[in-house]
């Protein structure tokens, strides 16, 4: 069997979801699977490894795992595999799925970049549960900005948005002003209550209850509140709009930190916050258009990017791309078909 006839797998591991793809080196998509988040920094490593097995088994359903010649896992939290115990858990997950080919682990943003463009060099900007910007050369990371995880960073991410939403609610409860749409939504989502109408004592009770409830959950759960920010922006809440503007600025700062002056290579955006329906994504694309030369692409299939990297390992850059999107996206969120002139270049 020639390299062009081979099969590969790609896995995209995030904080909230895991996706796997079985593909041909010719670019054909042969099977897909999904599971919950498997970032070993956000979840117990044993649980994370089991979820990778679940996604792989679904993608390989009806196929012979022995026909797979290469595999790449794009993983948020890949640094955790420096721990030999964690690395063994993930190797075992790979074997439980029936795979005997080598497993190459890359950072999630390397897979994301490959999903968005076939170019070898540029910038990957991830804005999902966490956030990170990476300079990519020859399809591999050479520098990063951010990516420190929820405790130390992840500015502009869904986690960060959720935390800022709670802070907006807490500040509203501290003040005498009526809470806006975002503060009201947070209280409803976390406490199941409307803003207190019983004066300062009732507000202080909700203030303490909100802090207690948030601290009683796994920190990553704050990301679930990010959609409340988007909805509050749509309702005209200025506090929510300020959170979105700050998120876009922080994400753009991270991207620019890994780019050289005058650089015209692509920027690839990936994650739950970068799409055209997200106010963060809309504001982010506008910021990038103002501050960055070069096309901006939105990619939504990190598993396909990982699979293409595996195919490149076998057959070189001419390997088929199992990519459904790699679209140019301008400040207004419009996407152009892959290969069309990007809409975000100055």
C-alpha atoms as a PDB file:
ATOM      1  CA  UNK A   1       0.000   0.000   0.000  1.00  0.00           C
ATOM      2  CA  UNK A   2       1.425   3.390  -1.007  1.00  0.00           C
ATOM      3  CA  UNK A   3       1.503   6.362   1.323  1.00  0.00           C
ATOM      4  CA  UNK A   4      -1.276   7.970  -0.710  1.00  0.00           C
ATOM      5  CA  UNK A   5      -3.526   4.975   0.012  1.00  0.00           C
ATOM      6  CA  UNK A   6      -2.972   5.148   3.769  1.00  0.00           C
ATOM      7  CA  UNK A   7      -5.306   6.086   6.568  1.00  0.00           C
ATOM      8  CA  UNK A   8      -4.686   8.545   9.384  1.00  0.00           C
ATOM      9  CA  UNK A   9      -6.457   9.744  12.500  1.00  0.00           C
ATOM     10  CA  UNK A  10      -6.614  13.219  13.966  1.00  0.00           C
ATOM     11  CA  UNK A  11      -7.887  14.116  17.418  1.00  0.00           C
ATOM     12  CA  UNK A  12      -8.761  17.588  18.693  1.00  0.00           C
ATOM     13  CA  UNK A  13      -8.724  17.683  22.507  1.00  0.00           C
ATOM     14  CA  UNK A  14     -10.240  20.693  24.235  1.00  0.00           C
ATOM     15  CA  UNK A  15     -11.508  21.638  27.642  1.00  0.00           C
ATOM     16  CA  UNK A  16     -15.176  21.015  26.831  1.00  0.00           C
ATOM     17  CA  UNK A  17     -15.154  18.588  23.903  1.00  0.00           C
ATOM     18  CA  UNK A  18     -13.000  16.037  22.075  1.00  0.00           C
ATOM     19  CA  UNK A  19     -13.337  15.212  18.379  1.00  0.00           C
ATOM     20  CA  UNK A  20     -11.681  12.457  16.376  1.00  0.00           C
ATOM     21  CA  UNK A  21     -11.490  11.971  12.610  1.00  0.00           C
ATOM     22  CA  UNK A  22     -10.492   8.952  10.535  1.00  0.00           C
ATOM     23  CA  UNK A  23      -9.309  10.175   7.122  1.00  0.00           C
ATOM     24  CA  UNK A  24      -7.567   8.974   4.024  1.00  0.00           C
ATOM     25  CA  UNK A  25      -4.247  10.456   2.975  1.00  0.00           C
ATOM     26  CA  UNK A  26      -6.158  11.568  -0.120  1.00  0.00           C
ATOM     27  CA  UNK A  27      -8.277  13.839   2.077  1.00  0.00           C
ATOM     28  CA  UNK A  28     -11.371  11.655   2.295  1.00  0.00           C
ATOM     29  CA  UNK A  29     -13.304  11.765   5.573  1.00  0.00           C
ATOM     30  CA  UNK A  30     -14.039   8.204   6.689  1.00  0.00           C
ATOM     31  CA  UNK A  31     -15.364   8.447  10.246  1.00  0.00           C
ATOM     32  CA  UNK A  32     -15.905  10.847  13.125  1.00  0.00           C
ATOM     33  CA  UNK A  33     -16.347  10.586  16.868  1.00  0.00           C
ATOM     34  CA  UNK A  34     -16.929  12.942  19.770  1.00  0.00           C
ATOM     35  CA  UNK A  35     -16.635  12.872  23.552  1.00  0.00           C
ATOM     36  CA  UNK A  36     -16.430  15.280  26.463  1.00  0.00           C
ATOM     37  CA  UNK A  37     -13.474  17.511  27.224  1.00  0.00           C
ATOM     38  CA  UNK A  38     -10.130  15.733  27.723  1.00  0.00           C
ATOM     39  CA  UNK A  39      -7.686  18.499  28.603  1.00  0.00           C
ATOM     40  CA  UNK A  40      -5.658  16.822  31.380  1.00  0.00           C
ATOM     41  CA  UNK A  41      -5.175  20.182  33.096  1.00  0.00           C
ATOM     42  CA  UNK A  42      -8.951  20.704  33.380  1.00  0.00           C
ATOM     43  CA  UNK A  43     -10.044  17.108  33.989  1.00  0.00           C
ATOM     44  CA  UNK A  44      -8.695  14.121  35.871  1.00  0.00           C
ATOM     45  CA  UNK A  45      -6.109  12.501  33.559  1.00  0.00           C
ATOM     46  CA  UNK A  46      -7.848   9.122  33.854  1.00  0.00           C
ATOM     47  CA  UNK A  47     -11.153  10.651  32.771  1.00  0.00           C
ATOM     48  CA  UNK A  48      -9.485  12.628  29.981  1.00  0.00           C
ATOM     49  CA  UNK A  49      -7.759   9.526  28.590  1.00  0.00           C
ATOM     50  CA  UNK A  50     -10.996   7.545  28.620  1.00  0.00           C
ATOM     51  CA  UNK A  51     -12.750  10.267  26.646  1.00  0.00           C
ATOM     52  CA  UNK A  52     -10.065  10.119  23.962  1.00  0.00           C
ATOM     53  CA  UNK A  53     -10.669   6.374  23.664  1.00  0.00           C
ATOM     54  CA  UNK A  54     -14.416   7.023  23.343  1.00  0.00           C
ATOM     55  CA  UNK A  55     -13.960   9.543  20.512  1.00  0.00           C
ATOM     56  CA  UNK A  56     -11.465   7.316  18.686  1.00  0.00           C
ATOM     57  CA  UNK A  57     -13.639   4.216  18.895  1.00  0.00           C
ATOM     58  CA  UNK A  58     -16.549   6.121  17.387  1.00  0.00           C
ATOM     59  CA  UNK A  59     -14.389   7.449  14.545  1.00  0.00           C
ATOM     60  CA  UNK A  60     -12.987   3.967  13.868  1.00  0.00           C
ATOM     61  CA  UNK A  61     -16.346   2.170  14.015  1.00  0.00           C
ATOM     62  CA  UNK A  62     -16.457  -0.396  11.199  1.00  0.00           C
ATOM     63  CA  UNK A  63     -12.822   0.215  10.247  1.00  0.00           C
ATOM     64  CA  UNK A  64      -9.736  -1.866  10.958  1.00  0.00           C
ATOM     65  CA  UNK A  65      -7.498   0.184  13.277  1.00  0.00           C
ATOM     66  CA  UNK A  66      -4.559  -1.756  11.882  1.00  0.00           C
ATOM     67  CA  UNK A  67      -4.940   0.106   8.572  1.00  0.00           C
ATOM     68  CA  UNK A  68      -4.160   3.439  10.263  1.00  0.00           C
ATOM     69  CA  UNK A  69      -0.560   4.416   9.571  1.00  0.00           C
ATOM     70  CA  UNK A  70      -0.201   7.685  11.509  1.00  0.00           C
ATOM     71  CA  UNK A  71      -2.043   9.761  14.047  1.00  0.00           C
ATOM     72  CA  UNK A  72      -1.785  13.241  15.501  1.00  0.00           C
ATOM     73  CA  UNK A  73      -3.459  14.488  18.665  1.00  0.00           C
ATOM     74  CA  UNK A  74      -3.866  18.247  18.977  1.00  0.00           C
ATOM     75  CA  UNK A  75      -4.272  18.777  22.692  1.00  0.00           C
ATOM     76  CA  UNK A  76      -5.030  21.703  24.942  1.00  0.00           C
ATOM     77  CA  UNK A  77      -2.941  20.980  28.012  1.00  0.00           C
ATOM     78  CA  UNK A  78      -0.389  18.921  26.093  1.00  0.00           C
ATOM     79  CA  UNK A  79       2.349  20.056  28.490  1.00  0.00           C
ATOM     80  CA  UNK A  80       0.806  17.765  31.109  1.00  0.00           C
ATOM     81  CA  UNK A  81       2.113  14.778  29.124  1.00  0.00           C
ATOM     82  CA  UNK A  82       5.583  15.640  30.398  1.00  0.00           C
ATOM     83  CA  UNK A  83       4.438  13.661  33.446  1.00  0.00           C
ATOM     84  CA  UNK A  84       5.279  10.017  32.580  1.00  0.00           C
ATOM     85  CA  UNK A  85       2.213   8.742  34.433  1.00  0.00           C
ATOM     86  CA  UNK A  86      -0.115  10.955  32.411  1.00  0.00           C
ATOM     87  CA  UNK A  87       1.689  10.107  29.180  1.00  0.00           C
ATOM     88  CA  UNK A  88       1.182   6.407  29.863  1.00  0.00           C
ATOM     89  CA  UNK A  89      -2.536   6.946  30.445  1.00  0.00           C
ATOM     90  CA  UNK A  90      -2.860   8.559  27.026  1.00  0.00           C
ATOM     91  CA  UNK A  91      -0.724   5.903  25.333  1.00  0.00           C
ATOM     92  CA  UNK A  92      -3.008   3.291  26.878  1.00  0.00           C
ATOM     93  CA  UNK A  93      -6.078   5.174  25.605  1.00  0.00           C
ATOM     94  CA  UNK A  94      -4.604   5.063  22.100  1.00  0.00           C
ATOM     95  CA  UNK A  95      -4.006   1.317  22.341  1.00  0.00           C
ATOM     96  CA  UNK A  96      -7.490   0.635  23.760  1.00  0.00           C
ATOM     97  CA  UNK A  97      -8.908   2.090  20.561  1.00  0.00           C
ATOM     98  CA  UNK A  98      -6.947  -0.579  18.667  1.00  0.00           C
ATOM     99  CA  UNK A  99      -4.337   1.750  17.199  1.00  0.00           C
ATOM    100  CA  UNK A 100      -0.782   0.498  16.806  1.00  0.00           C
ATOM    101  CA  UNK A 101       0.687   3.388  14.810  1.00  0.00           C
ATOM    102  CA  UNK A 102       2.689   6.075  16.611  1.00  0.00           C
ATOM    103  CA  UNK A 103       0.736   8.822  18.382  1.00  0.00           C
ATOM    104  CA  UNK A 104       2.238  12.270  17.818  1.00  0.00           C
ATOM    105  CA  UNK A 105       0.959  14.880  20.259  1.00  0.00           C
ATOM    106  CA  UNK A 106       1.019  18.542  19.262  1.00  0.00           C
ATOM    107  CA  UNK A 107      -0.449  21.632  20.863  1.00  0.00           C
ATOM    108  CA  UNK A 108      -4.076  22.289  19.940  1.00  0.00           C
ATOM    109  CA  UNK A 109      -3.095  25.486  18.160  1.00  0.00           C
ATOM    110  CA  UNK A 110      -0.762  23.619  15.780  1.00  0.00           C
ATOM    111  CA  UNK A 111      -3.689  21.454  14.693  1.00  0.00           C
ATOM    112  CA  UNK A 112      -5.889  24.556  14.538  1.00  0.00           C
ATOM    113  CA  UNK A 113      -3.456  26.337  12.246  1.00  0.00           C
ATOM    114  CA  UNK A 114      -3.348  23.337   9.900  1.00  0.00           C
ATOM    115  CA  UNK A 115      -7.147  23.313   9.842  1.00  0.00           C
ATOM    116  CA  UNK A 116      -7.296  26.933   8.750  1.00  0.00           C
ATOM    117  CA  UNK A 117      -4.591  27.139   6.089  1.00  0.00           C
ATOM    118  CA  UNK A 118      -2.175  25.016   4.107  1.00  0.00           C
ATOM    119  CA  UNK A 119       0.477  27.712   4.528  1.00  0.00           C
ATOM    120  CA  UNK A 120       3.413  26.562   6.676  1.00  0.00           C
ATOM    121  CA  UNK A 121       3.926  29.838   8.583  1.00  0.00           C
ATOM    122  CA  UNK A 122       1.697  32.269  10.429  1.00  0.00           C
ATOM    123  CA  UNK A 123      -0.207  32.795  13.671  1.00  0.00           C
ATOM    124  CA  UNK A 124      -2.714  30.598  15.459  1.00  0.00           C
ATOM    125  CA  UNK A 125      -5.074  32.272  17.914  1.00  0.00           C
ATOM    126  CA  UNK A 126      -7.226  30.014  20.067  1.00  0.00           C
ATOM    127  CA  UNK A 127     -10.202  31.510  21.895  1.00  0.00           C
ATOM    128  CA  UNK A 128     -12.294  28.730  23.385  1.00  0.00           C
ATOM    129  CA  UNK A 129     -12.503  27.478  26.936  1.00  0.00           C
ATOM    130  CA  UNK A 130      -8.915  28.745  27.230  1.00  0.00           C
ATOM    131  CA  UNK A 131      -6.829  31.036  25.050  1.00  0.00           C
ATOM    132  CA  UNK A 132      -3.358  31.154  23.524  1.00  0.00           C
ATOM    133  CA  UNK A 133      -1.558  32.677  20.534  1.00  0.00           C
ATOM    134  CA  UNK A 134       1.254  30.857  18.771  1.00  0.00           C
ATOM    135  CA  UNK A 135       3.769  31.682  16.086  1.00  0.00           C
ATOM    136  CA  UNK A 136       3.870  28.801  13.609  1.00  0.00           C
ATOM    137  CA  UNK A 137       6.833  28.083  11.346  1.00  0.00           C
ATOM    138  CA  UNK A 138       6.929  25.020   9.109  1.00  0.00           C
ATOM    139  CA  UNK A 139       3.661  23.929  10.794  1.00  0.00           C
ATOM    140  CA  UNK A 140       5.249  23.789  14.231  1.00  0.00           C
ATOM    141  CA  UNK A 141       5.145  26.173  17.167  1.00  0.00           C
ATOM    142  CA  UNK A 142       8.197  28.329  17.685  1.00  0.00           C
ATOM    143  CA  UNK A 143       6.781  30.895  20.135  1.00  0.00           C
ATOM    144  CA  UNK A 144       3.652  31.482  22.205  1.00  0.00           C
ATOM    145  CA  UNK A 145       1.855  34.215  24.112  1.00  0.00           C
ATOM    146  CA  UNK A 146      -0.536  33.216  26.864  1.00  0.00           C
ATOM    147  CA  UNK A 147      -1.809  29.678  27.271  1.00  0.00           C
ATOM    148  CA  UNK A 148      -1.059  29.661  30.987  1.00  0.00           C
ATOM    149  CA  UNK A 149      -4.348  28.004  31.978  1.00  0.00           C
ATOM    150  CA  UNK A 150      -7.315  29.307  33.938  1.00  0.00           C
ATOM    151  CA  UNK A 151      -5.408  30.039  37.143  1.00  0.00           C
ATOM    152  CA  UNK A 152      -2.597  32.100  35.596  1.00  0.00           C
ATOM    153  CA  UNK A 153      -4.060  33.481  32.387  1.00  0.00           C
ATOM    154  CA  UNK A 154      -6.432  32.479  29.552  1.00  0.00           C
ATOM    155  CA  UNK A 155      -7.325  36.133  28.999  1.00  0.00           C
ATOM    156  CA  UNK A 156     -10.225  36.631  26.597  1.00  0.00           C
ATOM    157  CA  UNK A 157     -11.318  32.994  26.802  1.00  0.00           C
ATOM    158  CA  UNK A 158     -14.733  31.552  27.676  1.00  0.00           C
ATOM    159  CA  UNK A 159     -13.423  30.927  31.184  1.00  0.00           C
ATOM    160  CA  UNK A 160     -12.283  34.552  31.414  1.00  0.00           C
ATOM    161  CA  UNK A 161     -15.655  35.793  30.107  1.00  0.00           C
ATOM    162  CA  UNK A 162     -17.497  33.711  32.691  1.00  0.00           C
ATOM    163  CA  UNK A 163     -15.318  35.044  35.483  1.00  0.00           C
ATOM    164  CA  UNK A 164     -15.806  38.627  34.315  1.00  0.00           C
ATOM    165  CA  UNK A 165     -19.574  38.048  34.124  1.00  0.00           C
ATOM    166  CA  UNK A 166     -19.590  36.993  37.775  1.00  0.00           C
ATOM    167  CA  UNK A 167     -17.529  40.049  38.672  1.00  0.00           C
ATOM    168  CA  UNK A 168     -20.079  42.269  36.931  1.00  0.00           C
ATOM    169  CA  UNK A 169     -22.809  40.667  39.043  1.00  0.00           C
ATOM    170  CA  UNK A 170     -20.809  41.089  42.244  1.00  0.00           C
ATOM    171  CA  UNK A 171     -20.125  44.759  41.527  1.00  0.00           C
ATOM    172  CA  UNK A 172     -23.829  45.292  40.851  1.00  0.00           C
ATOM    173  CA  UNK A 173     -24.730  43.726  44.191  1.00  0.00           C
ATOM    174  CA  UNK A 174     -22.172  45.952  45.934  1.00  0.00           C
ATOM    175  CA  UNK A 175     -23.659  49.110  44.465  1.00  0.00           C
ATOM    176  CA  UNK A 176     -27.035  50.764  44.804  1.00  0.00           C
ATOM    177  CA  UNK A 177     -27.609  50.760  41.036  1.00  0.00           C
ATOM    178  CA  UNK A 178     -30.135  48.330  39.513  1.00  0.00           C
ATOM    179  CA  UNK A 179     -28.361  45.302  38.008  1.00  0.00           C
ATOM    180  CA  UNK A 180     -28.152  45.158  34.223  1.00  0.00           C
ATOM    181  CA  UNK A 181     -28.949  42.281  31.893  1.00  0.00           C
ATOM    182  CA  UNK A 182     -25.653  40.468  32.480  1.00  0.00           C
ATOM    183  CA  UNK A 183     -25.764  40.638  36.283  1.00  0.00           C
ATOM    184  CA  UNK A 184     -29.383  39.504  36.250  1.00  0.00           C
ATOM    185  CA  UNK A 185     -28.543  36.567  33.972  1.00  0.00           C
ATOM    186  CA  UNK A 186     -25.642  35.466  36.194  1.00  0.00           C
ATOM    187  CA  UNK A 187     -27.813  35.468  39.303  1.00  0.00           C
ATOM    188  CA  UNK A 188     -30.419  33.423  37.491  1.00  0.00           C
ATOM    189  CA  UNK A 189     -27.917  30.909  36.127  1.00  0.00           C
ATOM    190  CA  UNK A 190     -25.920  30.413  39.318  1.00  0.00           C
ATOM    191  CA  UNK A 191     -28.443  30.990  42.113  1.00  0.00           C
ATOM    192  CA  UNK A 192     -31.717  30.500  40.290  1.00  0.00           C
ATOM    193  CA  UNK A 193     -32.830  33.884  41.612  1.00  0.00           C
ATOM    194  CA  UNK A 194     -33.761  37.299  40.309  1.00  0.00           C
ATOM    195  CA  UNK A 195     -31.917  40.311  41.750  1.00  0.00           C
ATOM    196  CA  UNK A 196     -32.861  40.831  45.375  1.00  0.00           C
ATOM    197  CA  UNK A 197     -35.612  43.361  46.000  1.00  0.00           C
ATOM    198  CA  UNK A 198     -35.244  43.469  49.776  1.00  0.00           C
ATOM    199  CA  UNK A 199     -32.695  46.238  50.114  1.00  0.00           C
ATOM    200  CA  UNK A 200     -29.036  46.075  51.203  1.00  0.00           C
ATOM    201  CA  UNK A 201     -29.447  43.008  53.399  1.00  0.00           C
ATOM    202  CA  UNK A 202     -30.901  40.936  50.565  1.00  0.00           C
ATOM    203  CA  UNK A 203     -28.165  42.137  48.193  1.00  0.00           C
ATOM    204  CA  UNK A 204     -25.473  41.167  50.706  1.00  0.00           C
ATOM    205  CA  UNK A 205     -27.038  37.711  51.034  1.00  0.00           C
ATOM    206  CA  UNK A 206     -26.927  37.216  47.258  1.00  0.00           C
ATOM    207  CA  UNK A 207     -23.389  38.576  47.139  1.00  0.00           C
ATOM    208  CA  UNK A 208     -22.198  35.964  49.648  1.00  0.00           C
ATOM    209  CA  UNK A 209     -24.271  33.196  48.059  1.00  0.00           C
ATOM    210  CA  UNK A 210     -22.839  33.918  44.599  1.00  0.00           C
ATOM    211  CA  UNK A 211     -19.243  33.810  45.814  1.00  0.00           C
ATOM    212  CA  UNK A 212     -19.936  30.591  47.725  1.00  0.00           C
ATOM    213  CA  UNK A 213     -21.634  28.917  44.763  1.00  0.00           C
ATOM    214  CA  UNK A 214     -18.842  29.781  42.307  1.00  0.00           C
ATOM    215  CA  UNK A 215     -16.098  28.650  44.689  1.00  0.00           C
ATOM    216  CA  UNK A 216     -17.976  25.394  45.259  1.00  0.00           C
ATOM    217  CA  UNK A 217     -17.686  24.389  41.591  1.00  0.00           C
ATOM    218  CA  UNK A 218     -14.678  23.271  39.517  1.00  0.00           C
ATOM    219  CA  UNK A 219     -13.153  26.523  38.197  1.00  0.00           C
ATOM    220  CA  UNK A 220     -13.539  25.473  34.557  1.00  0.00           C
ATOM    221  CA  UNK A 221     -17.316  25.590  35.065  1.00  0.00           C
ATOM    222  CA  UNK A 222     -17.113  29.369  34.801  1.00  0.00           C
ATOM    223  CA  UNK A 223     -16.861  28.911  31.025  1.00  0.00           C
ATOM    224  CA  UNK A 224     -20.524  27.907  30.935  1.00  0.00           C
ATOM    225  CA  UNK A 225     -21.443  31.519  31.739  1.00  0.00           C
ATOM    226  CA  UNK A 226     -19.744  32.941  28.631  1.00  0.00           C
ATOM    227  CA  UNK A 227     -22.928  32.759  26.480  1.00  0.00           C
ATOM    228  CA  UNK A 228     -24.638  35.030  29.006  1.00  0.00           C
ATOM    229  CA  UNK A 229     -22.237  37.787  27.983  1.00  0.00           C
ATOM    230  CA  UNK A 230     -23.207  37.434  24.330  1.00  0.00           C
ATOM    231  CA  UNK A 231     -26.909  37.547  25.128  1.00  0.00           C
ATOM    232  CA  UNK A 232     -26.471  40.591  27.360  1.00  0.00           C
ATOM    233  CA  UNK A 233     -24.603  42.404  24.553  1.00  0.00           C
ATOM    234  CA  UNK A 234     -27.566  41.733  22.277  1.00  0.00           C
ATOM    235  CA  UNK A 235     -29.797  43.306  24.958  1.00  0.00           C
ATOM    236  CA  UNK A 236     -27.670  46.436  24.997  1.00  0.00           C
ATOM    237  CA  UNK A 237     -25.982  45.951  28.372  1.00  0.00           C
ATOM    238  CA  UNK A 238     -22.969  48.315  28.478  1.00  0.00           C
ATOM    239  CA  UNK A 239     -21.215  46.193  31.118  1.00  0.00           C
ATOM    240  CA  UNK A 240     -21.352  43.164  28.820  1.00  0.00           C
ATOM    241  CA  UNK A 241     -20.155  45.251  25.857  1.00  0.00           C
ATOM    242  CA  UNK A 242     -17.169  46.402  27.910  1.00  0.00           C
ATOM    243  CA  UNK A 243     -16.283  42.797  28.768  1.00  0.00           C
ATOM    244  CA  UNK A 244     -16.427  41.836  25.075  1.00  0.00           C
ATOM    245  CA  UNK A 245     -14.277  44.794  24.023  1.00  0.00           C
ATOM    246  CA  UNK A 246     -11.656  43.925  26.621  1.00  0.00           C
ATOM    247  CA  UNK A 247     -11.651  40.257  25.576  1.00  0.00           C
ATOM    248  CA  UNK A 248     -11.055  41.198  21.918  1.00  0.00           C
ATOM    249  CA  UNK A 249      -8.268  43.593  22.871  1.00  0.00           C
ATOM    250  CA  UNK A 250      -6.510  41.007  25.028  1.00  0.00           C
ATOM    251  CA  UNK A 251      -6.756  38.332  22.343  1.00  0.00           C
ATOM    252  CA  UNK A 252      -5.431  40.693  19.667  1.00  0.00           C
ATOM    253  CA  UNK A 253      -2.572  41.721  21.957  1.00  0.00           C
ATOM    254  CA  UNK A 254      -1.632  38.051  22.287  1.00  0.00           C
ATOM    255  CA  UNK A 255      -1.673  37.534  18.519  1.00  0.00           C
ATOM    256  CA  UNK A 256       0.415  40.628  17.852  1.00  0.00           C
ATOM    257  CA  UNK A 257       2.935  39.582  20.505  1.00  0.00           C
ATOM    258  CA  UNK A 258       4.033  36.614  18.365  1.00  0.00           C
ATOM    259  CA  UNK A 259       4.072  38.448  15.013  1.00  0.00           C
ATOM    260  CA  UNK A 260       6.896  40.455  13.493  1.00  0.00           C
ATOM    261  CA  UNK A 261       6.430  44.041  12.331  1.00  0.00           C
ATOM    262  CA  UNK A 262       4.891  44.120   8.866  1.00  0.00           C
ATOM    263  CA  UNK A 263       4.295  40.362   8.775  1.00  0.00           C
ATOM    264  CA  UNK A 264       1.706  39.295   6.175  1.00  0.00           C
ATOM    265  CA  UNK A 265       1.337  35.599   7.008  1.00  0.00           C
ATOM    266  CA  UNK A 266      -2.149  34.264   7.854  1.00  0.00           C
ATOM    267  CA  UNK A 267      -3.830  34.427  11.233  1.00  0.00           C
ATOM    268  CA  UNK A 268      -5.995  31.411  11.977  1.00  0.00           C
ATOM    269  CA  UNK A 269      -8.743  31.780  14.571  1.00  0.00           C
ATOM    270  CA  UNK A 270     -10.245  28.773  16.278  1.00  0.00           C
ATOM    271  CA  UNK A 271     -12.527  28.205  19.229  1.00  0.00           C
ATOM    272  CA  UNK A 272     -16.064  28.754  20.419  1.00  0.00           C
ATOM    273  CA  UNK A 273     -15.640  32.537  20.637  1.00  0.00           C
ATOM    274  CA  UNK A 274     -14.404  33.349  17.131  1.00  0.00           C
ATOM    275  CA  UNK A 275     -17.404  32.591  14.910  1.00  0.00           C
ATOM    276  CA  UNK A 276     -19.599  35.186  13.196  1.00  0.00           C
ATOM    277  CA  UNK A 277     -22.401  34.701  15.759  1.00  0.00           C
ATOM    278  CA  UNK A 278     -20.128  35.664  18.654  1.00  0.00           C
ATOM    279  CA  UNK A 279     -19.761  39.338  19.610  1.00  0.00           C
ATOM    280  CA  UNK A 280     -16.231  38.534  20.779  1.00  0.00           C
ATOM    281  CA  UNK A 281     -15.438  37.083  17.353  1.00  0.00           C
ATOM    282  CA  UNK A 282     -16.914  40.105  15.598  1.00  0.00           C
ATOM    283  CA  UNK A 283     -14.941  42.558  17.715  1.00  0.00           C
ATOM    284  CA  UNK A 284     -11.789  40.412  17.460  1.00  0.00           C
ATOM    285  CA  UNK A 285     -11.873  40.380  13.660  1.00  0.00           C
ATOM    286  CA  UNK A 286     -12.293  44.151  13.629  1.00  0.00           C
ATOM    287  CA  UNK A 287      -9.307  44.561  15.972  1.00  0.00           C
ATOM    288  CA  UNK A 288      -7.165  42.276  13.849  1.00  0.00           C
ATOM    289  CA  UNK A 289      -8.150  44.048  10.630  1.00  0.00           C
ATOM    290  CA  UNK A 290      -7.037  47.346  12.168  1.00  0.00           C
ATOM    291  CA  UNK A 291      -3.756  46.111  13.647  1.00  0.00           C
ATOM    292  CA  UNK A 292      -2.616  43.151  11.521  1.00  0.00           C
ATOM    293  CA  UNK A 293      -1.533  42.765   7.895  1.00  0.00           C
ATOM    294  CA  UNK A 294      -2.394  39.441   6.294  1.00  0.00           C
ATOM    295  CA  UNK A 295      -5.500  37.316   5.893  1.00  0.00           C
ATOM    296  CA  UNK A 296      -7.573  36.113   8.835  1.00  0.00           C
ATOM    297  CA  UNK A 297      -9.101  32.647   8.628  1.00  0.00           C
ATOM    298  CA  UNK A 298     -11.647  30.952  10.853  1.00  0.00           C
ATOM    299  CA  UNK A 299     -11.205  27.199  11.303  1.00  0.00           C
ATOM    300  CA  UNK A 300     -13.693  25.037  13.162  1.00  0.00           C
ATOM    301  CA  UNK A 301     -12.273  21.533  12.741  1.00  0.00           C
ATOM    302  CA  UNK A 302      -9.099  20.957  14.714  1.00  0.00           C
ATOM    303  CA  UNK A 303      -9.496  17.193  14.295  1.00  0.00           C
ATOM    304  CA  UNK A 304      -9.229  17.631  10.524  1.00  0.00           C
ATOM    305  CA  UNK A 305      -6.142  19.795  10.983  1.00  0.00           C
ATOM    306  CA  UNK A 306      -4.577  17.097  13.155  1.00  0.00           C
ATOM    307  CA  UNK A 307      -5.468  14.442  10.574  1.00  0.00           C
ATOM    308  CA  UNK A 308      -3.844  16.512   7.816  1.00  0.00           C
ATOM    309  CA  UNK A 309      -0.678  16.865   9.881  1.00  0.00           C
ATOM    310  CA  UNK A 310      -0.644  13.067  10.198  1.00  0.00           C
ATOM    311  CA  UNK A 311      -1.118  12.760   6.431  1.00  0.00           C
ATOM    312  CA  UNK A 312       1.753  15.202   5.848  1.00  0.00           C
ATOM    313  CA  UNK A 313       3.911  12.969   8.045  1.00  0.00           C
ATOM    314  CA  UNK A 314       3.199  10.145   5.590  1.00  0.00           C
ATOM    315  CA  UNK A 315       2.995  11.811   2.199  1.00  0.00           C
ATOM    316  CA  UNK A 316       4.315  15.350   2.550  1.00  0.00           C
ATOM    317  CA  UNK A 317       2.471  18.668   1.988  1.00  0.00           C
ATOM    318  CA  UNK A 318       0.769  17.304  -1.139  1.00  0.00           C
ATOM    319  CA  UNK A 319      -1.431  15.074   1.036  1.00  0.00           C
ATOM    320  CA  UNK A 320      -5.149  15.720   0.654  1.00  0.00           C
ATOM    321  CA  UNK A 321      -6.764  18.070   3.145  1.00  0.00           C
ATOM    322  CA  UNK A 322      -9.864  16.690   4.906  1.00  0.00           C
ATOM    323  CA  UNK A 323     -10.860  20.245   5.743  1.00  0.00           C
ATOM    324  CA  UNK A 324     -14.439  21.469   5.585  1.00  0.00           C
ATOM    325  CA  UNK A 325     -13.542  25.059   6.300  1.00  0.00           C
ATOM    326  CA  UNK A 326     -10.519  27.271   6.062  1.00  0.00           C
ATOM    327  CA  UNK A 327     -12.458  30.367   5.334  1.00  0.00           C
ATOM    328  CA  UNK A 328     -11.346  33.931   5.129  1.00  0.00           C
ATOM    329  CA  UNK A 329     -13.323  36.045   7.577  1.00  0.00           C
ATOM    330  CA  UNK A 330     -13.496  39.805   7.593  1.00  0.00           C
ATOM    331  CA  UNK A 331     -14.493  42.134  10.410  1.00  0.00           C
ATOM    332  CA  UNK A 332     -18.167  41.621   9.550  1.00  0.00           C
ATOM    333  CA  UNK A 333     -17.839  37.850   9.966  1.00  0.00           C
ATOM    334  CA  UNK A 334     -18.378  37.015   6.292  1.00  0.00           C
ATOM    335  CA  UNK A 335     -16.569  33.928   5.077  1.00  0.00           C
ATOM    336  CA  UNK A 336     -15.181  33.290   1.638  1.00  0.00           C
ATOM    337  CA  UNK A 337     -14.685  29.853   0.164  1.00  0.00           C
ATOM    338  CA  UNK A 338     -11.215  28.394   0.660  1.00  0.00           C
ATOM    339  CA  UNK A 339      -8.920  29.742  -1.994  1.00  0.00           C
ATOM    340  CA  UNK A 340     -10.907  32.933  -2.511  1.00  0.00           C
ATOM    341  CA  UNK A 341      -9.366  36.300  -1.793  1.00  0.00           C
ATOM    342  CA  UNK A 342      -9.419  36.912   1.956  1.00  0.00           C
ATOM    343  CA  UNK A 343     -11.712  39.691   3.111  1.00  0.00           C
ATOM    344  CA  UNK A 344      -9.638  40.868   6.032  1.00  0.00           C
ATOM    345  CA  UNK A 345      -6.454  42.101   4.426  1.00  0.00           C
ATOM    346  CA  UNK A 346      -5.981  45.869   4.577  1.00  0.00           C
END
